[in-house]
């Protein structure tokens, strides 16, 4: 029976990967795969019980949904564009170094707006025309924007992976971020340097470009329109997107007795944005709860579906076999936690599904094969993120390619090699 269920599970996993590659609905594919394995193993209730358990995970719901609600309010009040204006205003004609400088701007914005698509939409219409006007090819401009996001986004306490791994490890979210901050910042800076090196390799910078060449590049995809940034920065609005992160960092260091939660910090940030933007309270409230609902549907939905898929693997006995194997091959656990999510992120354009599935099924057993839950969990999450930024199917990458008016493959040529190097560095540091 064990052999039969294992074979069925392998077929189901292949089917799930095929479904994700075909870009079928992620939640449907994961839930269908998990239910199928549980039914064949004659343990269907394992999948249903896991569905119930994941749906009502209070800590995850609070952190993820309030973060998405706050992000929606930041966009509604226009605080995001003031942050972008504040960060880009000092950038002048600094030659080739404008490229890594714009990468750093994106990395900082990604801390406040950790969604790849959301961050790309916020900074892309401003930075891409700025870089093209300064002599960079559109593909290089798009690459530095999307490539500056994946690592530093993990410094946001509201990002779903941080909440998920912290809950699993039984630790505070800010304590978890402290454990991976060195790796995250190192990978973020190194990624910007490597993408800049790719631009140098492809001769993407021409400081002597003619006006005609510049206008031709700007015309691609409407990049010359730029974004509607405010003429003058409202500093009070500009700091709003970063406020919850600052509150959580300050409280975790100096005021731990307050026990500041992610949800409370996001709510305080929302109130602050409402006040400084002098927005309609009813509209802000509506937008906040719409964002919360979107967070549950889109992010919690994937976590729930990944939990059902992992339950199916457990029902088929695959998890027990895998854990037993990893106990006797500890290096393979680390390799699987990095290469597996990276490849799935690369193939599917989404690193979340692979990382959540791996962390749900394997990471709780990290101590049994010589690792810690935070270390293995963050390894899988970051690896999936790097794989996503190397994929032509990545939504944020497609977005910046559209702004720049180039093929996603042109952008991937400049992001894929650096993301692979980051995977190796992450593996060594974990």
Protein backbone atom coordinates (compact mmCIF):
# COMPACT_ATOMS: atom_id res chain seq x y z
CA UNK A 1 0.00 0.00 0.00
CA UNK A 2 2.83 2.39 0.91
CA UNK A 3 4.51 1.86 -2.45
CA UNK A 4 1.24 2.44 -4.29
CA UNK A 5 0.45 5.69 -2.46
CA UNK A 6 4.01 6.90 -2.98
CA UNK A 7 3.73 6.33 -6.73
CA UNK A 8 0.38 8.11 -6.77
CA UNK A 9 1.89 11.01 -4.82
CA UNK A 10 4.75 11.34 -7.32
CA UNK A 11 2.24 11.44 -10.17
CA UNK A 12 0.19 14.05 -8.26
CA UNK A 13 3.24 16.23 -7.66
CA UNK A 14 4.14 16.07 -11.36
CA UNK A 15 0.55 16.98 -12.17
CA UNK A 16 0.66 19.95 -9.78
CA UNK A 17 3.92 21.22 -11.32
CA UNK A 18 2.42 20.83 -14.79
CA UNK A 19 -0.68 22.77 -13.70
CA UNK A 20 1.43 25.58 -12.27
CA UNK A 21 3.57 25.75 -15.41
CA UNK A 22 0.37 25.97 -17.47
CA UNK A 23 -0.61 28.86 -15.17
CA UNK A 24 -3.86 27.31 -14.02
CA UNK A 25 -5.35 28.76 -10.84
CA UNK A 26 -2.68 28.11 -8.17
CA UNK A 27 -5.08 27.46 -5.31
CA UNK A 28 -7.17 25.06 -7.39
CA UNK A 29 -4.12 23.08 -8.49
CA UNK A 30 -2.71 22.73 -4.96
CA UNK A 31 -6.03 21.82 -3.33
CA UNK A 32 -6.91 19.33 -6.08
CA UNK A 33 -3.50 17.66 -5.75
CA UNK A 34 -3.76 17.44 -1.97
CA UNK A 35 -7.31 16.06 -1.98
CA UNK A 36 -6.44 13.52 -4.65
CA UNK A 37 -3.53 12.13 -2.62
CA UNK A 38 -5.58 12.06 0.59
CA UNK A 39 -8.48 10.25 -1.11
CA UNK A 40 -6.24 7.64 -2.73
CA UNK A 41 -4.56 7.08 0.66
CA UNK A 42 -8.03 6.57 2.20
CA UNK A 43 -7.42 9.50 4.58
CA UNK A 44 -9.56 12.28 3.06
CA UNK A 45 -10.25 13.96 6.41
CA UNK A 46 -6.56 14.85 6.79
CA UNK A 47 -6.93 17.28 3.90
CA UNK A 48 -10.22 18.72 5.16
CA UNK A 49 -8.94 19.14 8.71
CA UNK A 50 -5.85 20.94 7.41
CA UNK A 51 -8.11 23.22 5.36
CA UNK A 52 -10.03 24.17 8.52
CA UNK A 53 -6.82 24.65 10.51
CA UNK A 54 -5.20 26.89 7.91
CA UNK A 55 -8.35 28.98 7.45
CA UNK A 56 -8.45 29.96 11.10
CA UNK A 57 -4.77 30.62 11.78
CA UNK A 58 -5.24 33.85 13.76
CA UNK A 59 -1.63 35.09 13.73
CA UNK A 60 -1.27 34.72 9.98
CA UNK A 61 -4.64 36.29 9.22
CA UNK A 62 -3.93 39.34 11.39
CA UNK A 63 -0.43 39.98 10.02
CA UNK A 64 -1.12 39.34 6.35
CA UNK A 65 -4.56 40.91 6.03
CA UNK A 66 -3.75 44.10 7.94
CA UNK A 67 -0.54 44.54 5.92
CA UNK A 68 -2.54 44.29 2.69
CA UNK A 69 -5.15 46.66 4.07
CA UNK A 70 -2.48 49.21 4.93
CA UNK A 71 -0.90 48.87 1.47
CA UNK A 72 -4.27 49.62 -0.11
CA UNK A 73 -4.65 52.76 2.03
CA UNK A 74 -1.13 53.94 1.17
CA UNK A 75 -1.98 53.73 -2.51
CA UNK A 76 -5.36 55.42 -2.06
CA UNK A 77 -3.89 58.38 -0.16
CA UNK A 78 -0.98 58.80 -2.60
CA UNK A 79 1.62 58.36 0.14
CA UNK A 80 3.48 55.83 -2.02
CA UNK A 81 4.26 58.35 -4.78
CA UNK A 82 5.55 60.87 -2.24
CA UNK A 83 7.98 58.21 -0.93
CA UNK A 84 9.17 57.53 -4.49
CA UNK A 85 9.56 61.27 -5.13
CA UNK A 86 11.56 61.69 -1.89
CA UNK A 87 13.95 58.89 -2.83
CA UNK A 88 14.45 59.87 -6.47
CA UNK A 89 14.76 63.64 -6.02
CA UNK A 90 18.48 63.56 -5.06
CA UNK A 91 19.41 61.50 -8.13
CA UNK A 92 21.20 63.66 -10.65
CA UNK A 93 23.48 62.91 -13.56
CA UNK A 94 25.85 60.51 -11.81
CA UNK A 95 26.73 58.44 -14.85
CA UNK A 96 26.68 54.66 -14.74
CA UNK A 97 26.25 54.70 -10.95
CA UNK A 98 22.70 55.96 -11.45
CA UNK A 99 21.76 52.33 -12.21
CA UNK A 100 22.74 50.84 -8.80
CA UNK A 101 21.40 54.01 -7.14
CA UNK A 102 17.98 53.33 -8.64
CA UNK A 103 18.32 49.71 -7.51
CA UNK A 104 18.82 50.95 -3.95
CA UNK A 105 15.74 53.17 -4.27
CA UNK A 106 13.69 50.15 -5.34
CA UNK A 107 15.13 48.08 -2.49
CA UNK A 108 14.08 50.69 0.08
CA UNK A 109 10.60 51.05 -1.40
CA UNK A 110 10.26 47.24 -1.41
CA UNK A 111 10.54 47.24 2.39
CA UNK A 112 7.35 49.30 2.54
CA UNK A 113 5.70 47.76 -0.55
CA UNK A 114 6.91 44.12 -0.57
CA UNK A 115 4.70 42.96 -3.43
CA UNK A 116 6.79 42.57 -6.58
CA UNK A 117 4.00 43.85 -8.80
CA UNK A 118 3.02 46.62 -6.36
CA UNK A 119 6.56 47.89 -5.89
CA UNK A 120 7.25 47.70 -9.63
CA UNK A 121 4.10 49.68 -10.36
CA UNK A 122 5.11 52.33 -7.80
CA UNK A 123 8.69 52.94 -8.94
CA UNK A 124 8.83 51.63 -12.51
CA UNK A 125 7.05 54.52 -14.29
CA UNK A 126 9.48 56.96 -12.63
CA UNK A 127 12.82 55.13 -12.58
CA UNK A 128 12.68 53.50 -16.01
CA UNK A 129 12.26 56.77 -17.98
CA UNK A 130 14.85 58.42 -15.70
CA UNK A 131 17.40 55.69 -16.51
CA UNK A 132 16.61 55.69 -20.23
CA UNK A 133 17.03 59.46 -20.41
CA UNK A 134 20.41 59.02 -18.71
CA UNK A 135 21.71 56.65 -21.40
CA UNK A 136 20.65 53.17 -20.25
CA UNK A 137 18.88 50.65 -22.46
CA UNK A 138 15.24 50.03 -21.45
CA UNK A 139 15.91 46.35 -20.64
CA UNK A 140 18.62 47.28 -18.13
CA UNK A 141 16.35 49.86 -16.53
CA UNK A 142 13.58 47.29 -16.15
CA UNK A 143 16.00 44.69 -14.76
CA UNK A 144 17.35 46.92 -11.98
CA UNK A 145 13.81 47.80 -10.89
CA UNK A 146 12.53 44.24 -10.58
CA UNK A 147 15.89 42.91 -9.36
CA UNK A 148 16.04 45.27 -6.39
CA UNK A 149 12.87 43.86 -4.84
CA UNK A 150 13.15 40.16 -3.83
CA UNK A 151 15.56 40.30 -0.88
CA UNK A 152 14.75 43.51 0.99
CA UNK A 153 11.02 42.83 0.76
CA UNK A 154 11.64 40.23 3.47
CA UNK A 155 12.51 43.01 5.91
CA UNK A 156 8.80 43.92 6.00
CA UNK A 157 7.20 42.22 9.05
CA UNK A 158 3.89 42.04 7.23
CA UNK A 159 5.14 39.85 4.38
CA UNK A 160 3.36 36.50 4.45
CA UNK A 161 6.48 34.32 4.62
CA UNK A 162 7.77 36.07 7.74
CA UNK A 163 4.46 35.58 9.53
CA UNK A 164 4.21 31.96 8.38
CA UNK A 165 7.73 30.96 9.43
CA UNK A 166 7.57 32.88 12.72
CA UNK A 167 4.32 31.10 13.63
CA UNK A 168 5.86 27.74 12.81
CA UNK A 169 8.97 28.49 14.88
CA UNK A 170 6.96 29.89 17.79
CA UNK A 171 8.77 33.22 17.75
CA UNK A 172 8.01 36.90 17.25
CA UNK A 173 8.09 38.18 13.67
CA UNK A 174 10.67 40.86 14.48
CA UNK A 175 12.91 38.26 16.13
CA UNK A 176 12.69 36.19 12.96
CA UNK A 177 13.65 39.19 10.81
CA UNK A 178 16.63 39.77 13.10
CA UNK A 179 17.83 36.22 12.39
CA UNK A 180 17.83 36.67 8.61
CA UNK A 181 18.56 40.40 8.31
CA UNK A 182 22.25 39.89 7.49
CA UNK A 183 21.46 37.40 4.74
CA UNK A 184 18.66 39.54 3.37
CA UNK A 185 20.63 42.78 3.20
CA UNK A 186 23.70 41.01 1.80
CA UNK A 187 21.67 39.38 -0.97
CA UNK A 188 19.87 42.66 -1.69
CA UNK A 189 23.07 44.67 -2.14
CA UNK A 190 24.81 41.89 -4.03
CA UNK A 191 21.83 41.53 -6.38
CA UNK A 192 22.00 45.22 -7.30
CA UNK A 193 25.75 44.97 -7.91
CA UNK A 194 25.36 41.87 -10.08
CA UNK A 195 22.56 43.31 -12.21
CA UNK A 196 24.66 46.45 -12.69
CA UNK A 197 27.53 44.19 -13.77
CA UNK A 198 25.21 42.51 -16.30
CA UNK A 199 24.37 45.95 -17.70
CA UNK A 200 28.07 46.63 -18.07
CA UNK A 201 28.57 43.24 -19.76
CA UNK A 202 25.76 43.89 -22.26
CA UNK A 203 27.01 47.46 -22.93
CA UNK A 204 23.66 48.83 -21.78
CA UNK A 205 24.99 52.29 -20.96
CA UNK A 206 25.79 54.98 -23.50
CA UNK A 207 26.52 58.32 -21.88
CA UNK A 208 26.78 59.92 -25.32
CA UNK A 209 23.42 58.79 -26.68
CA UNK A 210 21.82 61.23 -29.10
CA UNK A 211 18.52 62.96 -28.49
CA UNK A 212 16.97 60.83 -31.25
CA UNK A 213 18.16 57.59 -29.59
CA UNK A 214 16.81 58.72 -26.24
CA UNK A 215 13.42 59.65 -27.67
CA UNK A 216 13.24 56.35 -29.56
CA UNK A 217 13.90 54.41 -26.34
CA UNK A 218 11.44 56.50 -24.36
CA UNK A 219 8.76 55.90 -26.97
CA UNK A 220 8.93 52.15 -26.36
CA UNK A 221 5.85 51.04 -24.52
CA UNK A 222 4.98 54.61 -23.60
CA UNK A 223 7.88 54.82 -21.17
CA UNK A 224 8.25 58.50 -21.86
CA UNK A 225 5.02 59.28 -20.04
CA UNK A 226 6.58 58.65 -16.68
CA UNK A 227 4.48 58.53 -13.53
CA UNK A 228 2.40 61.29 -12.06
CA UNK A 229 4.67 62.22 -9.17
CA UNK A 230 3.89 65.27 -7.06
CA UNK A 231 5.82 68.41 -7.89
CA UNK A 232 6.88 68.84 -4.27
CA UNK A 233 7.42 66.14 -1.64
CA UNK A 234 5.12 66.09 1.36
CA UNK A 235 7.49 64.61 3.94
CA UNK A 236 4.67 63.60 6.25
CA UNK A 237 3.09 61.58 3.46
CA UNK A 238 6.44 60.18 2.31
CA UNK A 239 7.18 58.54 5.67
CA UNK A 240 3.72 56.94 5.95
CA UNK A 241 4.55 53.74 3.99
CA UNK A 242 7.58 53.11 6.24
CA UNK A 243 5.89 54.00 9.53
CA UNK A 244 4.65 50.50 10.57
CA UNK A 245 8.12 49.05 9.98
CA UNK A 246 9.70 51.83 12.07
CA UNK A 247 7.16 51.31 14.86
CA UNK A 248 7.82 47.58 14.99
CA UNK A 249 11.60 48.00 14.95
CA UNK A 250 11.56 50.64 17.71
CA UNK A 251 9.16 48.67 19.89
CA UNK A 252 11.06 45.40 19.41
CA UNK A 253 14.31 47.06 20.56
CA UNK A 254 13.31 49.58 23.24
CA UNK A 255 9.67 48.92 24.17
CA UNK A 256 9.25 45.16 24.10
CA UNK A 257 6.82 45.33 27.03
CA UNK A 258 4.26 46.92 24.67
CA UNK A 259 4.15 43.65 22.70
CA UNK A 260 3.43 45.56 19.51
CA UNK A 261 1.85 43.26 16.91
CA UNK A 262 2.06 43.61 13.14
CA UNK A 263 -1.67 44.22 13.01
CA UNK A 264 -1.49 47.07 15.53
CA UNK A 265 1.42 48.70 13.69
CA UNK A 266 -0.43 48.51 10.38
CA UNK A 267 -3.55 50.03 11.94
CA UNK A 268 -1.49 52.89 13.45
CA UNK A 269 0.08 53.46 10.04
CA UNK A 270 -3.37 53.58 8.46
CA UNK A 271 -4.58 56.17 10.99
CA UNK A 272 -1.46 58.26 10.37
CA UNK A 273 -1.94 58.11 6.58
CA UNK A 274 -5.59 59.13 7.00
CA UNK A 275 -4.61 62.18 9.07
CA UNK A 276 -1.70 63.48 6.99
CA UNK A 277 -3.52 62.94 3.69
CA UNK A 278 -6.71 64.52 5.05
CA UNK A 279 -8.57 61.74 3.31
CA UNK A 280 -12.21 60.79 3.58
CA UNK A 281 -12.41 58.49 6.64
CA UNK A 282 -15.20 56.43 5.08
CA UNK A 283 -13.20 55.87 1.88
CA UNK A 284 -10.05 54.96 3.82
CA UNK A 285 -11.96 52.52 6.01
CA UNK A 286 -13.56 50.90 2.98
CA UNK A 287 -10.22 50.63 1.20
CA UNK A 288 -8.52 49.16 4.28
CA UNK A 289 -11.06 46.36 4.60
CA UNK A 290 -11.10 45.78 0.84
CA UNK A 291 -7.33 45.33 1.07
CA UNK A 292 -7.74 42.94 4.00
CA UNK A 293 -10.19 40.87 1.99
CA UNK A 294 -7.84 40.81 -0.97
CA UNK A 295 -5.03 39.69 1.33
CA UNK A 296 -7.07 36.78 2.63
CA UNK A 297 -8.21 35.73 -0.83
CA UNK A 298 -4.89 36.02 -2.61
CA UNK A 299 -2.22 35.31 0.02
CA UNK A 300 -4.00 33.35 2.74
CA UNK A 301 -5.67 31.42 -0.06
CA UNK A 302 -2.31 30.16 -1.29
CA UNK A 303 -1.24 29.29 2.27
CA UNK A 304 -4.47 27.34 2.80
CA UNK A 305 -4.10 25.54 -0.52
CA UNK A 306 -0.43 24.73 0.17
CA UNK A 307 -1.49 23.30 3.54
CA UNK A 308 -4.01 20.98 1.86
CA UNK A 309 -1.35 19.87 -0.63
CA UNK A 310 1.10 19.16 2.21
CA UNK A 311 -1.62 17.23 4.07
CA UNK A 312 -2.06 15.06 1.00
CA UNK A 313 1.68 14.35 0.98
CA UNK A 314 1.51 13.41 4.66
CA UNK A 315 -1.49 11.16 4.05
CA UNK A 316 0.41 9.35 1.29
CA UNK A 317 3.39 8.86 3.62
CA UNK A 318 5.70 10.93 1.43
CA UNK A 319 6.60 13.41 4.16
CA UNK A 320 7.66 10.64 6.54
CA UNK A 321 9.81 9.07 3.83
CA UNK A 322 11.34 12.43 2.95
CA UNK A 323 12.09 13.35 6.56
CA UNK A 324 13.64 9.95 7.20
CA UNK A 325 15.83 10.41 4.11
CA UNK A 326 16.87 13.91 5.14
CA UNK A 327 17.86 12.70 8.61
CA UNK A 328 20.58 10.65 6.97
CA UNK A 329 21.50 13.22 4.33
CA UNK A 330 21.48 16.62 6.02
CA UNK A 331 23.17 18.39 3.11
CA UNK A 332 20.31 17.31 0.85
CA UNK A 333 17.76 19.03 3.10
CA UNK A 334 19.53 22.34 2.66
CA UNK A 335 19.93 21.71 -1.06
CA UNK A 336 16.28 20.77 -1.45
CA UNK A 337 15.15 23.84 0.49
CA UNK A 338 17.06 26.10 -1.88
CA UNK A 339 17.08 24.49 -5.33
CA UNK A 340 13.52 23.11 -5.17
CA UNK A 341 11.67 26.40 -4.54
CA UNK A 342 14.08 28.26 -6.87
CA UNK A 343 13.34 25.92 -9.80
CA UNK A 344 9.60 26.00 -9.21
CA UNK A 345 9.70 29.78 -8.98
CA UNK A 346 11.68 29.86 -12.22
CA UNK A 347 9.29 27.50 -14.01
CA UNK A 348 6.01 28.93 -12.76
CA UNK A 349 6.81 32.62 -12.19
CA UNK A 350 5.61 32.35 -8.59
CA UNK A 351 7.87 31.48 -5.69
CA UNK A 352 5.12 31.51 -3.07
CA UNK A 353 3.41 28.22 -3.84
CA UNK A 354 6.65 26.21 -3.81
CA UNK A 355 8.00 27.88 -0.67
CA UNK A 356 4.76 27.52 1.30
CA UNK A 357 4.36 23.87 0.29
CA UNK A 358 7.96 23.04 1.25
CA UNK A 359 7.75 24.92 4.54
CA UNK A 360 4.42 23.34 5.44
CA UNK A 361 5.59 19.79 4.77
CA UNK A 362 9.31 19.67 5.56
CA UNK A 363 10.44 22.69 7.61
CA UNK A 364 8.68 21.65 10.89
CA UNK A 365 11.10 18.70 10.98
CA UNK A 366 14.21 20.88 10.47
CA UNK A 367 15.74 19.95 13.84
CA UNK A 368 15.67 16.27 12.89
CA UNK A 369 18.21 16.84 10.13
CA UNK A 370 20.45 19.40 11.76
CA UNK A 371 18.81 22.72 10.87
CA UNK A 372 16.51 25.23 12.54
CA UNK A 373 13.01 26.15 11.42
CA UNK A 374 13.88 29.84 10.87
CA UNK A 375 16.99 29.01 8.85
CA UNK A 376 15.36 26.40 6.59
CA UNK A 377 12.11 28.33 6.28
CA UNK A 378 13.77 31.59 5.22
CA UNK A 379 16.08 29.68 2.87
CA UNK A 380 13.09 28.20 1.01
CA UNK A 381 11.18 31.50 0.93
CA UNK A 382 14.10 33.57 -0.39
CA UNK A 383 15.09 30.88 -2.91
CA UNK A 384 11.55 30.85 -4.31
CA UNK A 385 11.65 34.64 -4.57
CA UNK A 386 14.94 34.57 -6.46
CA UNK A 387 13.55 31.95 -8.84
CA UNK A 388 10.52 34.14 -9.51
CA UNK A 389 12.67 37.16 -10.47
CA UNK A 390 14.53 34.97 -12.96
CA UNK A 391 11.32 33.84 -14.68
CA UNK A 392 9.75 35.44 -17.77
CA UNK A 393 6.38 34.49 -16.24
CA UNK A 394 6.85 36.71 -13.16
CA UNK A 395 4.01 39.25 -13.00
CA UNK A 396 6.20 42.11 -11.74
CA UNK A 397 8.85 41.39 -14.36
CA UNK A 398 6.24 41.39 -17.12
CA UNK A 399 4.97 44.71 -15.75
CA UNK A 400 8.35 46.48 -15.87
CA UNK A 401 9.07 44.94 -19.28
CA UNK A 402 5.82 46.47 -20.50
CA UNK A 403 6.73 49.88 -19.05
CA UNK A 404 10.12 49.67 -20.76
CA UNK A 405 8.59 48.37 -23.99
CA UNK A 406 10.84 45.30 -24.22
CA UNK A 407 10.36 41.54 -24.20
CA UNK A 408 10.35 39.89 -20.75
CA UNK A 409 13.13 37.63 -22.05
CA UNK A 410 15.36 40.68 -22.54
CA UNK A 411 14.89 41.50 -18.87
CA UNK A 412 15.42 37.87 -17.81
CA UNK A 413 18.77 37.81 -19.61
CA UNK A 414 19.90 40.42 -17.08
CA UNK A 415 18.18 39.07 -13.95
CA UNK A 416 18.54 35.28 -14.23
CA UNK A 417 22.35 34.97 -13.84
CA UNK A 418 22.44 37.30 -10.78
CA UNK A 419 19.52 35.42 -9.16
CA UNK A 420 21.36 32.12 -9.60
CA UNK A 421 24.46 33.60 -7.97
CA UNK A 422 22.29 34.88 -5.11
CA UNK A 423 20.91 31.36 -4.65
CA UNK A 424 24.46 30.02 -4.24
CA UNK A 425 25.34 32.81 -1.78
CA UNK A 426 22.14 32.19 0.17
CA UNK A 427 22.91 28.47 0.34
CA UNK A 428 26.39 29.18 1.71
CA UNK A 429 25.12 31.68 4.28
CA UNK A 430 22.24 29.51 5.54
